PDB file of all heavy atoms in Angstrom:
ATOM      1  N   VAL A   1     -82.486 -22.125  35.601  1.00  0.00           N
ATOM      2  CA  VAL A   1     -82.488 -21.295  34.400  1.00  0.00           C
ATOM      3  C   VAL A   1     -81.562 -20.090  34.496  1.00  0.00           C
ATOM      4  O   VAL A   1     -81.122 -19.559  33.472  1.00  0.00           O
ATOM      5  CB  VAL A   1     -83.914 -20.815  34.046  1.00  0.00           C
ATOM      6  CG1 VAL A   1     -84.857 -21.992  33.903  1.00  0.00           C
ATOM      7  CG2 VAL A   1     -84.441 -19.829  35.068  1.00  0.00           C
ATOM      8  N   ASP A   2     -81.263 -19.624  35.696  1.00  0.00           N
ATOM      9  CA  ASP A   2     -80.441 -18.428  35.840  1.00  0.00           C
ATOM     10  C   ASP A   2     -79.077 -18.700  36.459  1.00  0.00           C
ATOM     11  O   ASP A   2     -78.311 -17.771  36.719  1.00  0.00           O
ATOM     12  CB  ASP A   2     -81.179 -17.357  36.657  1.00  0.00           C
ATOM     13  CG  ASP A   2     -81.789 -17.909  37.942  1.00  0.00           C
ATOM     14  OD1 ASP A   2     -81.381 -19.015  38.363  1.00  0.00           O
ATOM     15  OD2 ASP A   2     -82.676 -17.251  38.504  1.00  0.00           O
ATOM     16  N   GLY A   3     -78.769 -19.963  36.698  1.00  0.00           N
ATOM     17  CA  GLY A   3     -77.443 -20.321  37.191  1.00  0.00           C
ATOM     18  C   GLY A   3     -77.168 -19.948  38.629  1.00  0.00           C
ATOM     19  O   GLY A   3     -75.999 -19.876  39.038  1.00  0.00           O
ATOM     20  N   ASP A   4     -78.227 -19.746  39.432  1.00  0.00           N
ATOM     21  CA  ASP A   4     -78.012 -19.361  40.828  1.00  0.00           C
ATOM     22  C   ASP A   4     -77.929 -20.557  41.763  1.00  0.00           C
ATOM     23  O   ASP A   4     -77.823 -20.390  42.983  1.00  0.00           O
ATOM     24  CB  ASP A   4     -79.100 -18.400  41.292  1.00  0.00           C
ATOM     25  CG  ASP A   4     -80.490 -19.038  41.357  1.00  0.00           C
ATOM     26  OD1 ASP A   4     -80.641 -20.215  40.944  1.00  0.00           O
ATOM     27  OD2 ASP A   4     -81.432 -18.358  41.808  1.00  0.00           O
ATOM     28  N   GLY A   5     -77.998 -21.778  41.212  1.00  0.00           N
ATOM     29  CA  GLY A   5     -77.880 -22.976  42.032  1.00  0.00           C
ATOM     30  C   GLY A   5     -79.177 -23.469  42.617  1.00  0.00           C
ATOM     31  O   GLY A   5     -79.186 -24.469  43.339  1.00  0.00           O
ATOM     32  N   ARG A   6     -80.302 -22.815  42.286  1.00  0.00           N
ATOM     33  CA  ARG A   6     -81.613 -23.230  42.787  1.00  0.00           C
ATOM     34  C   ARG A   6     -82.473 -23.685  41.610  1.00  0.00           C
ATOM     35  O   ARG A   6     -82.556 -22.997  40.590  1.00  0.00           O
ATOM     36  CB  ARG A   6     -82.298 -22.080  43.532  1.00  0.00           C
ATOM     37  CG  ARG A   6     -81.592 -21.701  44.823  1.00  0.00           C
ATOM     38  CD  ARG A   6     -82.234 -20.517  45.497  1.00  0.00           C
ATOM     39  NE  ARG A   6     -82.070 -19.286  44.720  1.00  0.00           N
ATOM     40  CZ  ARG A   6     -82.335 -18.065  45.181  1.00  0.00           C
ATOM     41  NH1 ARG A   6     -82.804 -17.922  46.410  1.00  0.00           N
ATOM     42  NH2 ARG A   6     -82.145 -17.001  44.433  1.00  0.00           N
ATOM     43  N   LEU A   7     -83.118 -24.824  41.772  1.00  0.00           N
ATOM     44  CA  LEU A   7     -83.951 -25.371  40.699  1.00  0.00           C
ATOM     45  C   LEU A   7     -85.250 -24.586  40.565  1.00  0.00           C
ATOM     46  O   LEU A   7     -85.981 -24.376  41.539  1.00  0.00           O
ATOM     47  CB  LEU A   7     -84.267 -26.841  40.966  1.00  0.00           C
ATOM     48  CG  LEU A   7     -83.110 -27.827  40.801  1.00  0.00           C
ATOM     49  CD1 LEU A   7     -83.555 -29.235  41.189  1.00  0.00           C
ATOM     50  CD2 LEU A   7     -82.568 -27.814  39.376  1.00  0.00           C
ATOM     51  N   ASP A   8     -85.545 -24.176  39.337  1.00  0.00           N
ATOM     52  CA  ASP A   8     -86.793 -23.513  39.007  1.00  0.00           C
ATOM     53  C   ASP A   8     -87.749 -24.535  38.391  1.00  0.00           C
ATOM     54  O   ASP A   8     -87.353 -25.660  38.059  1.00  0.00           O
ATOM     55  CB  ASP A   8     -86.527 -22.366  38.032  1.00  0.00           C
ATOM     56  CG  ASP A   8     -85.415 -21.442  38.519  1.00  0.00           C
ATOM     57  OD1 ASP A   8     -85.617 -20.782  39.553  1.00  0.00           O
ATOM     58  OD2 ASP A   8     -84.341 -21.391  37.879  1.00  0.00           O
ATOM     59  N   MET A   9     -89.015 -24.128  38.190  1.00  0.00           N
ATOM     60  CA  MET A   9     -90.021 -25.019  37.615  1.00  0.00           C
ATOM     61  C   MET A   9     -90.793 -24.305  36.509  1.00  0.00           C
ATOM     62  O   MET A   9     -91.127 -23.127  36.643  1.00  0.00           O
ATOM     63  CB  MET A   9     -91.045 -25.457  38.673  1.00  0.00           C
ATOM     64  CG  MET A   9     -90.579 -26.445  39.685  1.00  0.00           C
ATOM     65  SD  MET A   9     -91.976 -27.102  40.665  1.00  0.00           S
ATOM     66  CE  MET A   9     -92.565 -25.636  41.511  1.00  0.00           C
ATOM     67  N   ALA A  10     -91.069 -25.028  35.449  1.00  0.00           N
ATOM     68  CA  ALA A  10     -92.029 -24.577  34.436  1.00  0.00           C
ATOM     69  C   ALA A  10     -93.157 -25.600  34.405  1.00  0.00           C
ATOM     70  O   ALA A  10     -92.904 -26.804  34.331  1.00  0.00           O
ATOM     71  CB  ALA A  10     -91.367 -24.454  33.068  1.00  0.00           C
ATOM     72  N   ILE A  11     -94.401 -25.128  34.472  1.00  0.00           N
ATOM     73  CA  ILE A  11     -95.563 -26.001  34.619  1.00  0.00           C
ATOM     74  C   ILE A  11     -96.491 -25.811  33.425  1.00  0.00           C
ATOM     75  O   ILE A  11     -96.862 -24.678  33.084  1.00  0.00           O
ATOM     76  CB  ILE A  11     -96.347 -25.681  35.912  1.00  0.00           C
ATOM     77  CG1 ILE A  11     -95.409 -25.616  37.127  1.00  0.00           C
ATOM     78  CG2 ILE A  11     -97.451 -26.708  36.125  1.00  0.00           C
ATOM     79  CD1 ILE A  11     -94.696 -26.882  37.439  1.00  0.00           C
ATOM     80  N   SER A  12     -96.871 -26.915  32.781  1.00  0.00           N
ATOM     81  CA  SER A  12     -97.878 -26.833  31.732  1.00  0.00           C
ATOM     82  C   SER A  12     -99.251 -27.072  32.345  1.00  0.00           C
ATOM     83  O   SER A  12     -99.411 -27.885  33.255  1.00  0.00           O
ATOM     84  CB  SER A  12     -97.595 -27.857  30.624  1.00  0.00           C
ATOM     85  OG  SER A  12     -97.854 -29.179  31.061  1.00  0.00           O
ATOM     86  N   ARG A  13    -100.234 -26.323  31.832  1.00  0.00           N
ATOM     87  CA  ARG A  13    -101.593 -26.417  32.360  1.00  0.00           C
ATOM     88  C   ARG A  13    -102.553 -26.679  31.202  1.00  0.00           C
ATOM     89  O   ARG A  13    -102.454 -26.056  30.147  1.00  0.00           O
ATOM     90  CB  ARG A  13    -101.964 -25.128  33.111  1.00  0.00           C
ATOM     91  CG  ARG A  13    -100.961 -24.819  34.217  1.00  0.00           C
ATOM     92  CD  ARG A  13    -101.439 -23.796  35.212  1.00  0.00           C
ATOM     93  NE  ARG A  13    -101.492 -22.444  34.685  1.00  0.00           N
ATOM     94  CZ  ARG A  13    -101.591 -21.352  35.450  1.00  0.00           C
ATOM     95  NH1 ARG A  13    -101.646 -21.477  36.771  1.00  0.00           N
ATOM     96  NH2 ARG A  13    -101.628 -20.157  34.914  1.00  0.00           N
ATOM     97  N   GLN A  14    -103.470 -27.618  31.429  1.00  0.00           N
ATOM     98  CA  GLN A  14    -104.381 -28.037  30.366  1.00  0.00           C
ATOM     99  C   GLN A  14    -105.432 -26.959  30.123  1.00  0.00           C
ATOM    100  O   GLN A  14    -106.179 -26.592  31.014  1.00  0.00           O
ATOM    101  CB  GLN A  14    -105.042 -29.373  30.739  1.00  0.00           C
ATOM    102  CG  GLN A  14    -105.761 -30.059  29.603  1.00  0.00           C
ATOM    103  CD  GLN A  14    -104.810 -30.685  28.588  1.00  0.00           C
ATOM    104  OE1 GLN A  14    -103.633 -30.852  28.866  1.00  0.00           O
ATOM    105  NE2 GLN A  14    -105.323 -31.027  27.418  1.00  0.00           N
ATOM    106  N   TRP A  15    -105.474 -26.422  28.894  1.00  0.00           N
ATOM    107  CA  TRP A  15    -106.414 -25.385  28.476  1.00  0.00           C
ATOM    108  C   TRP A  15    -106.232 -24.092  29.265  1.00  0.00           C
ATOM    109  O   TRP A  15    -107.186 -23.367  29.536  1.00  0.00           O
ATOM    110  CB  TRP A  15    -107.858 -25.881  28.559  1.00  0.00           C
ATOM    111  CG  TRP A  15    -108.069 -27.121  27.758  1.00  0.00           C
ATOM    112  CD1 TRP A  15    -108.275 -28.388  28.224  1.00  0.00           C
ATOM    113  CD2 TRP A  15    -108.034 -27.224  26.322  1.00  0.00           C
ATOM    114  NE1 TRP A  15    -108.375 -29.279  27.182  1.00  0.00           N
ATOM    115  CE2 TRP A  15    -108.232 -28.586  25.992  1.00  0.00           C
ATOM    116  CE3 TRP A  15    -107.857 -26.307  25.287  1.00  0.00           C
ATOM    117  CZ2 TRP A  15    -108.263 -29.056  24.682  1.00  0.00           C
ATOM    118  CZ3 TRP A  15    -107.884 -26.766  23.976  1.00  0.00           C
ATOM    119  CH2 TRP A  15    -108.089 -28.124  23.675  1.00  0.00           C
ATOM    120  N   ASP A  16    -104.990 -23.786  29.601  1.00  0.00           N
ATOM    121  CA  ASP A  16    -104.684 -22.531  30.290  1.00  0.00           C
ATOM    122  C   ASP A  16    -103.226 -22.186  30.021  1.00  0.00           C
ATOM    123  O   ASP A  16    -102.464 -23.024  29.522  1.00  0.00           O
ATOM    124  CB  ASP A  16    -104.937 -22.654  31.796  1.00  0.00           C
ATOM    125  CG  ASP A  16    -105.333 -21.326  32.434  1.00  0.00           C
ATOM    126  OD1 ASP A  16    -104.780 -20.287  32.024  1.00  0.00           O
ATOM    127  OD2 ASP A  16    -106.181 -21.323  33.341  1.00  0.00           O
ATOM    128  N   ASP A  17    -102.849 -20.958  30.364  1.00  0.00           N
ATOM    129  CA  ASP A  17    -101.471 -20.533  30.154  1.00  0.00           C
ATOM    130  C   ASP A  17    -100.510 -21.370  30.993  1.00  0.00           C
ATOM    131  O   ASP A  17    -100.821 -21.697  32.152  1.00  0.00           O
ATOM    132  CB  ASP A  17    -101.296 -19.063  30.547  1.00  0.00           C
ATOM    133  CG  ASP A  17    -101.928 -18.102  29.554  1.00  0.00           C
ATOM    134  OD1 ASP A  17    -102.123 -18.499  28.402  1.00  0.00           O
ATOM    135  OD2 ASP A  17    -102.218 -16.958  29.950  1.00  0.00           O
ATOM    136  N   PRO A  18     -99.333 -21.674  30.458  1.00  0.00           N
ATOM    137  CA  PRO A  18     -98.300 -22.280  31.300  1.00  0.00           C
ATOM    138  C   PRO A  18     -97.779 -21.229  32.275  1.00  0.00           C
ATOM    139  O   PRO A  18     -98.037 -20.027  32.109  1.00  0.00           O
ATOM    140  CB  PRO A  18     -97.218 -22.677  30.291  1.00  0.00           C
ATOM    141  CG  PRO A  18     -97.350 -21.649  29.204  1.00  0.00           C
ATOM    142  CD  PRO A  18     -98.830 -21.367  29.104  1.00  0.00           C
ATOM    143  N   VAL A  19     -97.055 -21.671  33.284  1.00  0.00           N
ATOM    144  CA  VAL A  19     -96.505 -20.727  34.248  1.00  0.00           C
ATOM    145  C   VAL A  19     -95.080 -21.136  34.600  1.00  0.00           C
ATOM    146  O   VAL A  19     -94.762 -22.328  34.684  1.00  0.00           O
ATOM    147  CB  VAL A  19     -97.387 -20.648  35.519  1.00  0.00           C
ATOM    148  CG1 VAL A  19     -97.458 -22.008  36.217  1.00  0.00           C
ATOM    149  CG2 VAL A  19     -96.880 -19.579  36.479  1.00  0.00           C
ATOM    150  N   PHE A  20     -94.225 -20.131  34.769  1.00  0.00           N
ATOM    151  CA  PHE A  20     -92.843 -20.365  35.200  1.00  0.00           C
ATOM    152  C   PHE A  20     -92.719 -19.922  36.646  1.00  0.00           C
ATOM    153  O   PHE A  20     -93.138 -18.816  37.011  1.00  0.00           O
ATOM    154  CB  PHE A  20     -91.874 -19.571  34.327  1.00  0.00           C
ATOM    155  CG  PHE A  20     -90.432 -19.677  34.773  1.00  0.00           C
ATOM    156  CD1 PHE A  20     -89.691 -20.817  34.506  1.00  0.00           C
ATOM    157  CD2 PHE A  20     -89.835 -18.641  35.471  1.00  0.00           C
ATOM    158  CE1 PHE A  20     -88.381 -20.919  34.922  1.00  0.00           C
ATOM    159  CE2 PHE A  20     -88.511 -18.736  35.894  1.00  0.00           C
ATOM    160  CZ  PHE A  20     -87.792 -19.874  35.613  1.00  0.00           C
ATOM    161  N   TYR A  21     -92.167 -20.791  37.484  1.00  0.00           N
ATOM    162  CA  TYR A  21     -91.950 -20.471  38.891  1.00  0.00           C
ATOM    163  C   TYR A  21     -90.454 -20.330  39.152  1.00  0.00           C
ATOM    164  O   TYR A  21     -89.717 -21.314  39.155  1.00  0.00           O
ATOM    165  CB  TYR A  21     -92.535 -21.562  39.792  1.00  0.00           C
ATOM    166  CG  TYR A  21     -94.039 -21.540  39.880  1.00  0.00           C
ATOM    167  CD1 TYR A  21     -94.803 -22.531  39.270  1.00  0.00           C
ATOM    168  CD2 TYR A  21     -94.700 -20.532  40.569  1.00  0.00           C
ATOM    169  CE1 TYR A  21     -96.191 -22.510  39.353  1.00  0.00           C
ATOM    170  CE2 TYR A  21     -96.091 -20.503  40.655  1.00  0.00           C
ATOM    171  CZ  TYR A  21     -96.823 -21.499  40.047  1.00  0.00           C
ATOM    172  OH  TYR A  21     -98.189 -21.473  40.128  1.00  0.00           O
ATOM    173  N   ARG A  22     -90.030 -19.080  39.366  1.00  0.00           N
ATOM    174  CA  ARG A  22     -88.631 -18.828  39.700  1.00  0.00           C
ATOM    175  C   ARG A  22     -88.408 -19.156  41.174  1.00  0.00           C
ATOM    176  O   ARG A  22     -89.170 -18.729  42.045  1.00  0.00           O
ATOM    177  CB  ARG A  22     -88.262 -17.373  39.429  1.00  0.00           C
ATOM    178  CG  ARG A  22     -86.757 -17.085  39.572  1.00  0.00           C
ATOM    179  CD  ARG A  22     -86.435 -15.665  39.160  1.00  0.00           C
ATOM    180  NE  ARG A  22     -86.847 -15.401  37.780  1.00  0.00           N
ATOM    181  CZ  ARG A  22     -86.137 -15.745  36.711  1.00  0.00           C
ATOM    182  NH1 ARG A  22     -84.978 -16.374  36.863  1.00  0.00           N
ATOM    183  NH2 ARG A  22     -86.580 -15.461  35.508  1.00  0.00           N
ATOM    184  N   ASN A  23     -87.357 -19.908  41.443  1.00  0.00           N
ATOM    185  CA  ASN A  23     -87.049 -20.307  42.813  1.00  0.00           C
ATOM    186  C   ASN A  23     -86.431 -19.126  43.559  1.00  0.00           C
ATOM    187  O   ASN A  23     -85.329 -18.682  43.240  1.00  0.00           O
ATOM    188  CB  ASN A  23     -86.086 -21.497  42.802  1.00  0.00           C
ATOM    189  CG  ASN A  23     -85.933 -22.148  44.164  1.00  0.00           C
ATOM    190  OD1 ASN A  23     -86.086 -21.503  45.198  1.00  0.00           O
ATOM    191  ND2 ASN A  23     -85.623 -23.432  44.169  1.00  0.00           N
ATOM    192  N   THR A  24     -87.168 -18.613  44.533  1.00  0.00           N
ATOM    193  CA  THR A  24     -86.696 -17.485  45.337  1.00  0.00           C
ATOM    194  C   THR A  24     -86.493 -17.892  46.791  1.00  0.00           C
ATOM    195  O   THR A  24     -86.510 -17.045  47.678  1.00  0.00           O
ATOM    196  CB  THR A  24     -87.704 -16.329  45.260  1.00  0.00           C
ATOM    197  OG1 THR A  24     -88.977 -16.783  45.764  1.00  0.00           O
ATOM    198  CG2 THR A  24     -87.874 -15.838  43.828  1.00  0.00           C
ATOM    199  N   GLY A  25     -86.311 -19.180  47.024  1.00  0.00           N
ATOM    200  CA  GLY A  25     -86.207 -19.684  48.385  1.00  0.00           C
ATOM    201  C   GLY A  25     -85.108 -19.021  49.185  1.00  0.00           C
ATOM    202  O   GLY A  25     -84.039 -18.670  48.661  1.00  0.00           O
ATOM    203  N   ALA A  26     -85.378 -18.861  50.486  1.00  0.00           N
ATOM    204  CA  ALA A  26     -84.440 -18.165  51.368  1.00  0.00           C
ATOM    205  C   ALA A  26     -83.374 -19.076  51.945  1.00  0.00           C
ATOM    206  O   ALA A  26     -82.416 -18.587  52.554  1.00  0.00           O
ATOM    207  CB  ALA A  26     -85.218 -17.500  52.507  1.00  0.00           C
ATOM    208  N   ALA A  27     -83.504 -20.395  51.758  1.00  0.00           N
ATOM    209  CA  ALA A  27     -82.529 -21.314  52.340  1.00  0.00           C
ATOM    210  C   ALA A  27     -81.142 -21.061  51.743  1.00  0.00           C
ATOM    211  O   ALA A  27     -80.970 -21.036  50.527  1.00  0.00           O
ATOM    212  CB  ALA A  27     -82.950 -22.755  52.094  1.00  0.00           C
ATOM    213  N   ASP A  28     -80.167 -20.872  52.606  1.00  0.00           N
ATOM    214  CA  ASP A  28     -78.803 -20.567  52.166  1.00  0.00           C
ATOM    215  C   ASP A  28     -77.967 -21.840  52.198  1.00  0.00           C
ATOM    216  O   ASP A  28     -77.032 -21.981  52.989  1.00  0.00           O
ATOM    217  CB  ASP A  28     -78.186 -19.479  53.056  1.00  0.00           C
ATOM    218  CG  ASP A  28     -76.832 -19.009  52.537  1.00  0.00           C
ATOM    219  OD1 ASP A  28     -76.569 -19.199  51.335  1.00  0.00           O
ATOM    220  OD2 ASP A  28     -76.050 -18.456  53.338  1.00  0.00           O
ATOM    221  N   ASN A  29     -78.308 -22.773  51.323  1.00  0.00           N
ATOM    222  CA  ASN A  29     -77.607 -24.051  51.279  1.00  0.00           C
ATOM    223  C   ASN A  29     -76.756 -24.152  50.021  1.00  0.00           C
ATOM    224  O   ASN A  29     -77.025 -23.499  49.015  1.00  0.00           O
ATOM    225  CB  ASN A  29     -78.616 -25.211  51.301  1.00  0.00           C
ATOM    226  CG  ASN A  29     -79.324 -25.336  52.635  1.00  0.00           C
ATOM    227  OD1 ASN A  29     -78.696 -25.199  53.685  1.00  0.00           O
ATOM    228  ND2 ASN A  29     -80.623 -25.593  52.600  1.00  0.00           N
ATOM    229  N   GLY A  30     -75.733 -24.995  50.097  1.00  0.00           N
ATOM    230  CA  GLY A  30     -74.854 -25.189  48.956  1.00  0.00           C
ATOM    231  C   GLY A  30     -75.441 -26.170  47.951  1.00  0.00           C
ATOM    232  O   GLY A  30     -76.413 -26.874  48.221  1.00  0.00           O
ATOM    233  N   PHE A  31     -74.827 -26.219  46.772  1.00  0.00           N
ATOM    234  CA  PHE A  31     -75.303 -27.103  45.716  1.00  0.00           C
ATOM    235  C   PHE A  31     -74.131 -27.568  44.878  1.00  0.00           C
ATOM    236  O   PHE A  31     -73.043 -26.978  44.875  1.00  0.00           O
ATOM    237  CB  PHE A  31     -76.318 -26.377  44.820  1.00  0.00           C
ATOM    238  CG  PHE A  31     -75.693 -25.358  43.903  1.00  0.00           C
ATOM    239  CD1 PHE A  31     -75.372 -25.680  42.584  1.00  0.00           C
ATOM    240  CD2 PHE A  31     -75.397 -24.076  44.357  1.00  0.00           C
ATOM    241  CE1 PHE A  31     -74.781 -24.758  41.741  1.00  0.00           C
ATOM    242  CE2 PHE A  31     -74.803 -23.140  43.516  1.00  0.00           C
ATOM    243  CZ  PHE A  31     -74.495 -23.482  42.199  1.00  0.00           C
ATOM    244  N   LEU A  32     -74.366 -28.654  44.157  1.00  0.00           N
ATOM    245  CA  LEU A  32     -73.442 -29.150  43.147  1.00  0.00           C
ATOM    246  C   LEU A  32     -74.253 -29.400  41.886  1.00  0.00           C
ATOM    247  O   LEU A  32     -75.225 -30.152  41.912  1.00  0.00           O
ATOM    248  CB  LEU A  32     -72.759 -30.443  43.607  1.00  0.00           C
ATOM    249  CG  LEU A  32     -71.716 -31.028  42.645  1.00  0.00           C
ATOM    250  CD1 LEU A  32     -70.462 -30.164  42.629  1.00  0.00           C
ATOM    251  CD2 LEU A  32     -71.366 -32.460  43.025  1.00  0.00           C
ATOM    252  N   ALA A  33     -73.875 -28.739  40.788  1.00  0.00           N
ATOM    253  CA  ALA A  33     -74.563 -28.917  39.509  1.00  0.00           C
ATOM    254  C   ALA A  33     -73.544 -29.353  38.474  1.00  0.00           C
ATOM    255  O   ALA A  33     -72.518 -28.685  38.276  1.00  0.00           O
ATOM    256  CB  ALA A  33     -75.241 -27.622  39.079  1.00  0.00           C
ATOM    257  N   LEU A  34     -73.814 -30.477  37.813  1.00  0.00           N
ATOM    258  CA  LEU A  34     -72.877 -31.051  36.850  1.00  0.00           C
ATOM    259  C   LEU A  34     -73.512 -31.087  35.467  1.00  0.00           C
ATOM    260  O   LEU A  34     -74.597 -31.631  35.280  1.00  0.00           O
ATOM    261  CB  LEU A  34     -72.489 -32.472  37.263  1.00  0.00           C
ATOM    262  CG  LEU A  34     -71.909 -32.647  38.668  1.00  0.00           C
ATOM    263  CD1 LEU A  34     -71.571 -34.114  38.915  1.00  0.00           C
ATOM    264  CD2 LEU A  34     -70.680 -31.778  38.868  1.00  0.00           C
ATOM    265  N   ASP A  35     -72.825 -30.480  34.491  1.00  0.00           N
ATOM    266  CA  ASP A  35     -73.183 -30.620  33.081  1.00  0.00           C
ATOM    267  C   ASP A  35     -72.246 -31.665  32.492  1.00  0.00           C
ATOM    268  O   ASP A  35     -71.055 -31.398  32.284  1.00  0.00           O
ATOM    269  CB  ASP A  35     -73.037 -29.294  32.346  1.00  0.00           C
ATOM    270  CG  ASP A  35     -74.049 -28.257  32.802  1.00  0.00           C
ATOM    271  OD1 ASP A  35     -75.203 -28.643  33.046  1.00  0.00           O
ATOM    272  OD2 ASP A  35     -73.685 -27.075  32.925  1.00  0.00           O
ATOM    273  N   LEU A  36     -72.767 -32.860  32.228  1.00  0.00           N
ATOM    274  CA  LEU A  36     -71.963 -33.990  31.773  1.00  0.00           C
ATOM    275  C   LEU A  36     -72.237 -34.222  30.291  1.00  0.00           C
ATOM    276  O   LEU A  36     -73.351 -34.573  29.900  1.00  0.00           O
ATOM    277  CB  LEU A  36     -72.307 -35.242  32.579  1.00  0.00           C
ATOM    278  CG  LEU A  36     -72.145 -35.116  34.104  1.00  0.00           C
ATOM    279  CD1 LEU A  36     -72.551 -36.413  34.793  1.00  0.00           C
ATOM    280  CD2 LEU A  36     -70.712 -34.744  34.479  1.00  0.00           C
ATOM    281  N   THR A  37     -71.214 -34.030  29.466  1.00  0.00           N
ATOM    282  CA  THR A  37     -71.372 -34.168  28.023  1.00  0.00           C
ATOM    283  C   THR A  37     -70.296 -35.078  27.454  1.00  0.00           C
ATOM    284  O   THR A  37     -69.225 -35.258  28.041  1.00  0.00           O
ATOM    285  CB  THR A  37     -71.291 -32.798  27.325  1.00  0.00           C
ATOM    286  OG1 THR A  37     -70.028 -32.186  27.617  1.00  0.00           O
ATOM    287  CG2 THR A  37     -72.415 -31.883  27.798  1.00  0.00           C
ATOM    288  N   HIS A  38     -70.595 -35.643  26.290  1.00  0.00           N
ATOM    289  CA  HIS A  38     -69.604 -36.444  25.582  1.00  0.00           C
ATOM    290  C   HIS A  38     -68.469 -35.556  25.089  1.00  0.00           C
ATOM    291  O   HIS A  38     -68.621 -34.335  24.941  1.00  0.00           O
ATOM    292  CB  HIS A  38     -70.249 -37.157  24.399  1.00  0.00           C
ATOM    293  CG  HIS A  38     -71.120 -38.309  24.781  1.00  0.00           C
ATOM    294  ND1 HIS A  38     -70.619 -39.531  25.179  1.00  0.00           N
ATOM    295  CD2 HIS A  38     -72.480 -38.429  24.832  1.00  0.00           C
ATOM    296  CE1 HIS A  38     -71.616 -40.360  25.445  1.00  0.00           C
ATOM    297  NE2 HIS A  38     -72.750 -39.717  25.251  1.00  0.00           N
ATOM    298  N   GLU A  39     -67.323 -36.173  24.818  1.00  0.00           N
ATOM    299  CA  GLU A  39     -66.190 -35.430  24.271  1.00  0.00           C
ATOM    300  C   GLU A  39     -66.568 -34.805  22.941  1.00  0.00           C
ATOM    301  O   GLU A  39     -67.407 -35.317  22.203  1.00  0.00           O
ATOM    302  CB  GLU A  39     -64.993 -36.362  24.073  1.00  0.00           C
ATOM    303  CG  GLU A  39     -64.297 -36.745  25.357  1.00  0.00           C
ATOM    304  CD  GLU A  39     -63.038 -37.566  25.104  1.00  0.00           C
ATOM    305  OE1 GLU A  39     -63.076 -38.393  24.184  1.00  0.00           O
ATOM    306  OE2 GLU A  39     -62.048 -37.363  25.815  1.00  0.00           O
ATOM    307  N   GLY A  40     -65.889 -33.689  22.623  1.00  0.00           N
ATOM    308  CA  GLY A  40     -66.190 -32.989  21.385  1.00  0.00           C
ATOM    309  C   GLY A  40     -67.380 -32.078  21.584  1.00  0.00           C
ATOM    310  O   GLY A  40     -67.820 -31.805  22.704  1.00  0.00           O
TER     311      GLY A  40
END
């Protein structure tokens, strides 16, 4: 969600508030993220 290269999670909960988990992991690893769209 913030473009830092780490996957975050949003969790739905039955009969309770949903929760967003921001990925704050300390692992200093590289990533490849591809946004693949049709032409135009």
